[in-house]
């Protein structure tokens, strides 16, 4: 079971991964870039690479075999993440391998017209600036989440992807710092002010009130005081209508009968 982890902007990590996949399949480049860098810059660089490779293998490789050598074999850096995501979001894909692997069903692949125009996007440093980690304004940490959480988490495939939890308001409101400490970006912030993670009590302890106050002076982002819109942007709506496997295939290509297995794409 994938443990609950909050990312740099307090999105559940597993939902960030799912949102990245769905944004790519919807060819929404800007949103896909947001989710990719949310994952990457939260301290999960290796997980982000592994997950993008898994998406490529499961959905894009058959239609785009050349990308393995022209993109995925290149030296890894911050900009290459953007190039991969931007390129994949413009490319054709197939869902039949994914459905066969995780649902043990065959579907007919989409037949695409041949295209002579298959571009590889070169992501630029100036474009990366929009996705680098933003810090709170001094004395206004409460306004942080509304300013940085640009997209609603996609949780309409929660059942389909076997997401292990749905309603995590309590964790977001009252234990966010503990679950955020599982992201290295947050753990470093906590440890910089002497904080230590108490796994037994599922909390973060500081040596004294002065250091605790110093932390919250910067990071008192108060998730429990945010408008409903921001809360649902971060953790989704637990009552969201869920896509079935048939809905998924109809939307992204194919018709099948359902036989469900547990889904786990690579990446932590």
Foldseek 3Di string as FASTA:
>chain_A
DDDFAAFPLGFTLVLLLVQLLVCLLVLPLVSNVQSLLSNCQLAFVVQSLQQLVLSCVQWPCVQPVVCVVVQNPDDDDPQSSSQSSNQSSVGHIWNQSVCCVFFVKGWDTDDDDDDPDRDGDRGDPVNCVVRHDDFDDQQPLQCVSVVSLPAARDCQACVVQVPPDQDCPVCVQPLSLLSNCVRVVSVVLQVVLQWDHDPVVSHIDHPDPVSVVVSCSRNVNRPVPDDPVSVCSRRNDSPRNHDDPQNVCVVNHTGIDGGGHHDDRGGD
